[in-house]
Amino acid sequence: MAPTKLGMQETKDMLLQTAKDMIHKGLVEGTAGNLSARLPDGNVVLTPSSLAYETMSLDDLVLCDLDGNVLDGTRNPTTEKDLHLACLRTYDDVHAVMHCHAKYCTMFAVTHQPIPRFIE
């Protein structure tokens, strides 16, 4: 089954809500992490760089083409823009990318420790 294609406004609304949910659910701390979503016209909407999710608005989101050219927005796109665009260029069936620095995974990474396997 093909995924439902949302319009530009619906996609932007969903991206912003997901960004806010990431912070509220404890998936990220501060401004660590970022999101992008493919639009029906093939362009991409991205969260901006270094802006708190709690205060982020639809006007803060940045529109880019798949080559990374900013088409709309007053802020800079995430510094991880190239990672997002590479995923979206490579995989036509991927419609969104979430890149987060989950606090517990990051803790293990910075201490060079393996992440233990367990089931809650």
N, C-alpha and C. Protein backbone atom coordinates (compact mmCIF):
# COMPACT_ATOMS: atom_id res chain seq x y z
N MET A 1 0.84 -1.17 0.00
CA MET A 1 0.00 0.00 0.00
C MET A 1 0.89 1.24 0.00
N ALA A 2 0.62 2.17 -0.89
CA ALA A 2 1.40 3.40 -0.99
C ALA A 2 1.02 4.34 0.16
N PRO A 3 2.02 5.06 0.72
CA PRO A 3 1.71 5.98 1.80
C PRO A 3 0.84 7.13 1.32
N THR A 4 0.00 7.62 2.21
CA THR A 4 -0.84 8.77 1.88
C THR A 4 0.05 9.99 1.75
N LYS A 5 -0.16 10.75 0.70
CA LYS A 5 0.60 11.98 0.51
C LYS A 5 -0.15 13.14 1.14
N LEU A 6 0.48 13.76 2.10
CA LEU A 6 -0.11 14.92 2.75
C LEU A 6 0.23 16.17 1.96
N GLY A 7 -0.60 17.19 2.09
CA GLY A 7 -0.31 18.47 1.47
C GLY A 7 0.79 19.19 2.23
N MET A 8 1.27 20.31 1.68
CA MET A 8 2.37 21.04 2.29
C MET A 8 2.01 21.49 3.71
N GLN A 9 0.84 22.08 3.91
CA GLN A 9 0.48 22.58 5.23
C GLN A 9 0.34 21.45 6.24
N GLU A 10 -0.28 20.35 5.83
CA GLU A 10 -0.43 19.20 6.72
C GLU A 10 0.93 18.62 7.11
N THR A 11 1.85 18.57 6.16
CA THR A 11 3.19 18.04 6.41
C THR A 11 3.93 18.94 7.39
N LYS A 12 3.85 20.24 7.18
CA LYS A 12 4.52 21.18 8.08
C LYS A 12 3.92 21.10 9.49
N ASP A 13 2.60 21.01 9.57
CA ASP A 13 1.95 20.89 10.88
C ASP A 13 2.43 19.63 11.61
N MET A 14 2.48 18.51 10.88
CA MET A 14 2.90 17.25 11.48
C MET A 14 4.36 17.30 11.90
N LEU A 15 5.21 17.91 11.09
CA LEU A 15 6.63 18.01 11.41
C LEU A 15 6.83 18.84 12.68
N LEU A 16 6.14 19.96 12.78
CA LEU A 16 6.26 20.81 13.96
C LEU A 16 5.76 20.08 15.20
N GLN A 17 4.63 19.41 15.09
CA GLN A 17 4.09 18.69 16.24
C GLN A 17 5.03 17.57 16.67
N THR A 18 5.63 16.89 15.71
CA THR A 18 6.58 15.81 16.03
C THR A 18 7.81 16.37 16.74
N ALA A 19 8.29 17.53 16.30
CA ALA A 19 9.43 18.17 16.95
C ALA A 19 9.10 18.48 18.41
N LYS A 20 7.92 19.01 18.64
CA LYS A 20 7.50 19.33 20.00
C LYS A 20 7.31 18.05 20.83
N ASP A 21 6.79 17.01 20.21
CA ASP A 21 6.61 15.73 20.90
C ASP A 21 7.96 15.12 21.30
N MET A 22 8.99 15.29 20.46
CA MET A 22 10.31 14.74 20.76
C MET A 22 10.82 15.26 22.10
N ILE A 23 10.65 16.55 22.34
CA ILE A 23 11.15 17.14 23.57
C ILE A 23 10.27 16.74 24.75
N HIS A 24 8.95 16.75 24.56
CA HIS A 24 8.03 16.42 25.65
C HIS A 24 8.12 14.96 26.07
N LYS A 25 8.48 14.08 25.15
CA LYS A 25 8.59 12.65 25.46
C LYS A 25 9.99 12.26 25.91
N GLY A 26 10.88 13.24 25.99
CA GLY A 26 12.22 12.97 26.49
C GLY A 26 13.15 12.30 25.49
N LEU A 27 12.81 12.34 24.20
CA LEU A 27 13.69 11.74 23.20
C LEU A 27 14.94 12.57 22.96
N VAL A 28 14.85 13.87 23.23
CA VAL A 28 15.98 14.78 23.04
C VAL A 28 16.05 15.75 24.21
N GLU A 29 17.20 16.36 24.36
CA GLU A 29 17.43 17.42 25.34
C GLU A 29 17.77 18.69 24.58
N GLY A 30 17.24 19.80 25.03
CA GLY A 30 17.58 21.09 24.41
C GLY A 30 17.21 21.11 22.93
N THR A 31 18.19 21.43 22.11
CA THR A 31 17.95 21.50 20.66
C THR A 31 18.62 20.36 19.91
N ALA A 32 19.00 19.30 20.63
CA ALA A 32 19.65 18.16 19.99
C ALA A 32 18.64 17.39 19.15
N GLY A 33 18.97 17.15 17.91
CA GLY A 33 18.10 16.40 17.02
C GLY A 33 17.39 17.31 16.04
N ASN A 34 16.83 16.73 15.01
CA ASN A 34 16.16 17.50 13.97
C ASN A 34 15.31 16.59 13.10
N LEU A 35 14.43 17.21 12.34
CA LEU A 35 13.47 16.47 11.51
C LEU A 35 13.41 17.05 10.11
N SER A 36 13.00 16.20 9.19
CA SER A 36 12.71 16.64 7.82
C SER A 36 11.58 15.80 7.28
N ALA A 37 10.87 16.36 6.29
CA ALA A 37 9.78 15.61 5.65
C ALA A 37 9.70 16.00 4.18
N ARG A 38 9.47 15.00 3.36
CA ARG A 38 9.32 15.20 1.92
C ARG A 38 7.93 15.78 1.64
N LEU A 39 7.89 16.76 0.79
CA LEU A 39 6.62 17.37 0.38
C LEU A 39 6.15 16.75 -0.93
N PRO A 40 4.86 16.87 -1.26
CA PRO A 40 4.34 16.28 -2.49
C PRO A 40 5.07 16.74 -3.76
N ASP A 41 5.60 17.97 -3.74
CA ASP A 41 6.30 18.48 -4.93
C ASP A 41 7.75 18.03 -5.01
N GLY A 42 8.19 17.21 -4.04
CA GLY A 42 9.56 16.71 -4.06
C GLY A 42 10.52 17.52 -3.21
N ASN A 43 10.13 18.71 -2.79
CA ASN A 43 10.98 19.51 -1.92
C ASN A 43 10.87 18.99 -0.49
N VAL A 44 11.64 19.58 0.40
CA VAL A 44 11.75 19.07 1.77
C VAL A 44 11.59 20.21 2.76
N VAL A 45 10.85 19.96 3.83
CA VAL A 45 10.75 20.91 4.92
C VAL A 45 11.60 20.37 6.07
N LEU A 46 12.41 21.25 6.67
CA LEU A 46 13.34 20.87 7.74
C LEU A 46 13.16 21.78 8.95
N THR A 47 13.49 21.24 10.12
CA THR A 47 13.53 22.09 11.30
C THR A 47 14.78 22.96 11.19
N PRO A 48 14.74 24.14 11.81
CA PRO A 48 15.90 25.04 11.76
C PRO A 48 16.98 24.62 12.74
N SER A 49 18.13 25.21 12.58
CA SER A 49 19.26 24.92 13.44
C SER A 49 19.15 25.69 14.76
N SER A 50 19.43 25.00 15.86
CA SER A 50 19.58 25.61 17.19
C SER A 50 18.41 26.45 17.66
N LEU A 51 17.20 25.97 17.45
CA LEU A 51 16.02 26.67 17.94
C LEU A 51 15.24 25.72 18.84
N ALA A 52 14.89 26.18 20.01
CA ALA A 52 14.16 25.35 20.98
C ALA A 52 12.84 24.89 20.39
N TYR A 53 12.54 23.62 20.56
CA TYR A 53 11.30 23.05 20.02
C TYR A 53 10.06 23.68 20.66
N GLU A 54 10.17 24.03 21.94
CA GLU A 54 9.01 24.60 22.64
C GLU A 54 8.55 25.91 22.02
N THR A 55 9.47 26.68 21.48
CA THR A 55 9.11 27.99 20.91
C THR A 55 9.04 27.98 19.38
N MET A 56 9.38 26.87 18.76
CA MET A 56 9.38 26.77 17.31
C MET A 56 7.96 26.93 16.76
N SER A 57 7.85 27.66 15.65
CA SER A 57 6.55 27.85 15.00
C SER A 57 6.66 27.42 13.54
N LEU A 58 5.53 27.38 12.87
CA LEU A 58 5.52 27.01 11.45
C LEU A 58 6.40 27.94 10.63
N ASP A 59 6.45 29.21 11.00
CA ASP A 59 7.26 30.18 10.27
C ASP A 59 8.76 29.92 10.39
N ASP A 60 9.16 29.13 11.40
CA ASP A 60 10.58 28.83 11.61
C ASP A 60 11.07 27.68 10.72
N LEU A 61 10.16 26.88 10.19
CA LEU A 61 10.56 25.74 9.35
C LEU A 61 11.16 26.24 8.06
N VAL A 62 12.06 25.45 7.49
CA VAL A 62 12.81 25.85 6.30
C VAL A 62 12.49 24.90 5.15
N LEU A 63 12.23 25.46 3.99
CA LEU A 63 11.94 24.69 2.79
C LEU A 63 13.18 24.66 1.90
N CYS A 64 13.60 23.45 1.52
CA CYS A 64 14.78 23.26 0.66
C CYS A 64 14.42 22.33 -0.49
N ASP A 65 15.20 22.42 -1.56
CA ASP A 65 15.09 21.40 -2.59
C ASP A 65 16.05 20.27 -2.23
N LEU A 66 16.03 19.19 -2.98
CA LEU A 66 16.87 18.03 -2.65
C LEU A 66 18.36 18.29 -2.84
N ASP A 67 18.71 19.42 -3.48
CA ASP A 67 20.11 19.80 -3.62
C ASP A 67 20.59 20.66 -2.45
N GLY A 68 19.67 21.00 -1.53
CA GLY A 68 20.05 21.78 -0.36
C GLY A 68 19.86 23.28 -0.49
N ASN A 69 19.32 23.72 -1.62
CA ASN A 69 19.08 25.15 -1.80
C ASN A 69 17.86 25.56 -0.99
N VAL A 70 18.00 26.61 -0.18
CA VAL A 70 16.88 27.11 0.62
C VAL A 70 15.91 27.84 -0.31
N LEU A 71 14.66 27.39 -0.31
CA LEU A 71 13.64 27.98 -1.16
C LEU A 71 12.74 28.94 -0.39
N ASP A 72 12.59 28.69 0.92
CA ASP A 72 11.74 29.54 1.74
C ASP A 72 12.12 29.37 3.20
N GLY A 73 12.06 30.47 3.92
CA GLY A 73 12.36 30.44 5.35
C GLY A 73 13.38 31.51 5.69
N THR A 74 13.27 32.02 6.90
CA THR A 74 14.17 33.09 7.33
C THR A 74 15.30 32.56 8.22
N ARG A 75 15.24 31.31 8.59
CA ARG A 75 16.26 30.70 9.45
C ARG A 75 17.15 29.77 8.63
N ASN A 76 18.24 29.35 9.24
CA ASN A 76 19.10 28.36 8.61
C ASN A 76 18.53 26.97 8.89
N PRO A 77 18.58 26.09 7.89
CA PRO A 77 18.12 24.72 8.15
C PRO A 77 19.08 24.03 9.10
N THR A 78 18.64 22.91 9.65
CA THR A 78 19.47 22.13 10.54
C THR A 78 20.87 21.92 9.97
N THR A 79 21.85 21.88 10.85
CA THR A 79 23.22 21.61 10.40
C THR A 79 23.36 20.19 9.88
N GLU A 80 22.38 19.35 10.15
CA GLU A 80 22.36 17.97 9.66
C GLU A 80 21.60 17.86 8.33
N LYS A 81 21.41 18.98 7.67
CA LYS A 81 20.65 19.03 6.41
C LYS A 81 21.15 18.00 5.40
N ASP A 82 22.46 17.88 5.25
CA ASP A 82 23.02 16.96 4.25
C ASP A 82 22.65 15.51 4.55
N LEU A 83 22.64 15.14 5.82
CA LEU A 83 22.24 13.78 6.23
C LEU A 83 20.79 13.52 5.81
N HIS A 84 19.91 14.46 6.12
CA HIS A 84 18.50 14.32 5.77
C HIS A 84 18.31 14.21 4.25
N LEU A 85 18.94 15.12 3.53
CA LEU A 85 18.75 15.14 2.08
C LEU A 85 19.34 13.91 1.41
N ALA A 86 20.45 13.40 1.92
CA ALA A 86 21.04 12.18 1.36
C ALA A 86 20.08 11.01 1.51
N CYS A 87 19.44 10.89 2.68
CA CYS A 87 18.46 9.81 2.89
C CYS A 87 17.28 9.96 1.93
N LEU A 88 16.77 11.17 1.81
CA LEU A 88 15.58 11.39 0.99
C LEU A 88 15.89 11.26 -0.51
N ARG A 89 17.10 11.65 -0.92
CA ARG A 89 17.49 11.49 -2.33
C ARG A 89 17.68 10.02 -2.67
N THR A 90 18.25 9.27 -1.75
CA THR A 90 18.59 7.87 -2.00
C THR A 90 17.38 6.95 -1.98
N TYR A 91 16.43 7.24 -1.10
CA TYR A 91 15.29 6.34 -0.90
C TYR A 91 13.98 7.07 -1.18
N ASP A 92 13.42 6.82 -2.35
CA ASP A 92 12.15 7.46 -2.73
C ASP A 92 11.00 7.09 -1.80
N ASP A 93 11.09 5.93 -1.16
CA ASP A 93 9.99 5.49 -0.30
C ASP A 93 10.11 6.03 1.13
N VAL A 94 11.19 6.75 1.42
CA VAL A 94 11.33 7.41 2.72
C VAL A 94 10.74 8.80 2.60
N HIS A 95 9.80 9.11 3.49
CA HIS A 95 9.11 10.40 3.42
C HIS A 95 9.46 11.33 4.56
N ALA A 96 10.21 10.85 5.54
CA ALA A 96 10.61 11.70 6.66
C ALA A 96 11.85 11.11 7.32
N VAL A 97 12.64 11.99 7.93
CA VAL A 97 13.85 11.57 8.63
C VAL A 97 13.86 12.23 10.00
N MET A 98 14.14 11.43 11.01
CA MET A 98 14.30 11.94 12.38
C MET A 98 15.72 11.63 12.81
N HIS A 99 16.45 12.66 13.18
CA HIS A 99 17.81 12.48 13.67
C HIS A 99 17.83 13.04 15.08
N CYS A 100 18.03 12.18 16.05
CA CYS A 100 18.03 12.68 17.42
C CYS A 100 19.25 12.15 18.17
N HIS A 101 19.62 12.90 19.16
CA HIS A 101 20.70 12.51 20.04
C HIS A 101 20.04 12.07 21.35
N ALA A 102 19.44 10.90 21.31
CA ALA A 102 18.74 10.41 22.49
C ALA A 102 19.68 10.44 23.69
N LYS A 103 19.21 11.01 24.79
CA LYS A 103 20.12 11.29 25.90
C LYS A 103 20.80 10.05 26.45
N TYR A 104 20.10 8.93 26.56
CA TYR A 104 20.75 7.75 27.13
C TYR A 104 21.71 7.10 26.14
N CYS A 105 21.36 7.09 24.88
CA CYS A 105 22.30 6.56 23.87
C CYS A 105 23.54 7.43 23.79
N THR A 106 23.35 8.74 23.88
CA THR A 106 24.47 9.66 23.84
C THR A 106 25.39 9.44 25.04
N MET A 107 24.81 9.17 26.20
CA MET A 107 25.59 8.92 27.41
C MET A 107 26.53 7.74 27.19
N PHE A 108 26.02 6.66 26.61
CA PHE A 108 26.87 5.50 26.34
C PHE A 108 27.92 5.84 25.28
N ALA A 109 27.53 6.61 24.28
CA ALA A 109 28.46 6.94 23.20
C ALA A 109 29.64 7.77 23.71
N VAL A 110 29.38 8.80 24.50
CA VAL A 110 30.47 9.67 24.95
C VAL A 110 31.39 8.98 25.95
N THR A 111 30.90 7.93 26.59
CA THR A 111 31.76 7.17 27.51
C THR A 111 32.37 5.94 26.85
N HIS A 112 32.12 5.80 25.54
CA HIS A 112 32.66 4.69 24.75
C HIS A 112 32.27 3.33 25.34
N GLN A 113 31.03 3.23 25.80
CA GLN A 113 30.51 2.00 26.37
C GLN A 113 29.47 1.40 25.44
N PRO A 114 29.40 0.08 25.35
CA PRO A 114 28.35 -0.53 24.53
C PRO A 114 26.98 -0.33 25.19
N ILE A 115 25.97 -0.23 24.37
CA ILE A 115 24.61 -0.10 24.89
C ILE A 115 24.11 -1.49 25.21
N PRO A 116 23.74 -1.73 26.48
CA PRO A 116 23.30 -3.08 26.85
C PRO A 116 21.96 -3.42 26.19
N ARG A 117 21.82 -4.70 25.84
CA ARG A 117 20.55 -5.19 25.28
C ARG A 117 19.68 -5.66 26.41
N PHE A 118 18.43 -5.23 26.42
CA PHE A 118 17.48 -5.67 27.43
C PHE A 118 16.08 -5.45 26.92
N ILE A 119 15.14 -6.06 27.60
CA ILE A 119 13.73 -5.90 27.26
C ILE A 119 13.03 -5.36 28.49
N GLU A 120 12.28 -4.29 28.30
CA GLU A 120 11.52 -3.74 29.44
C GLU A 120 10.31 -4.58 29.71
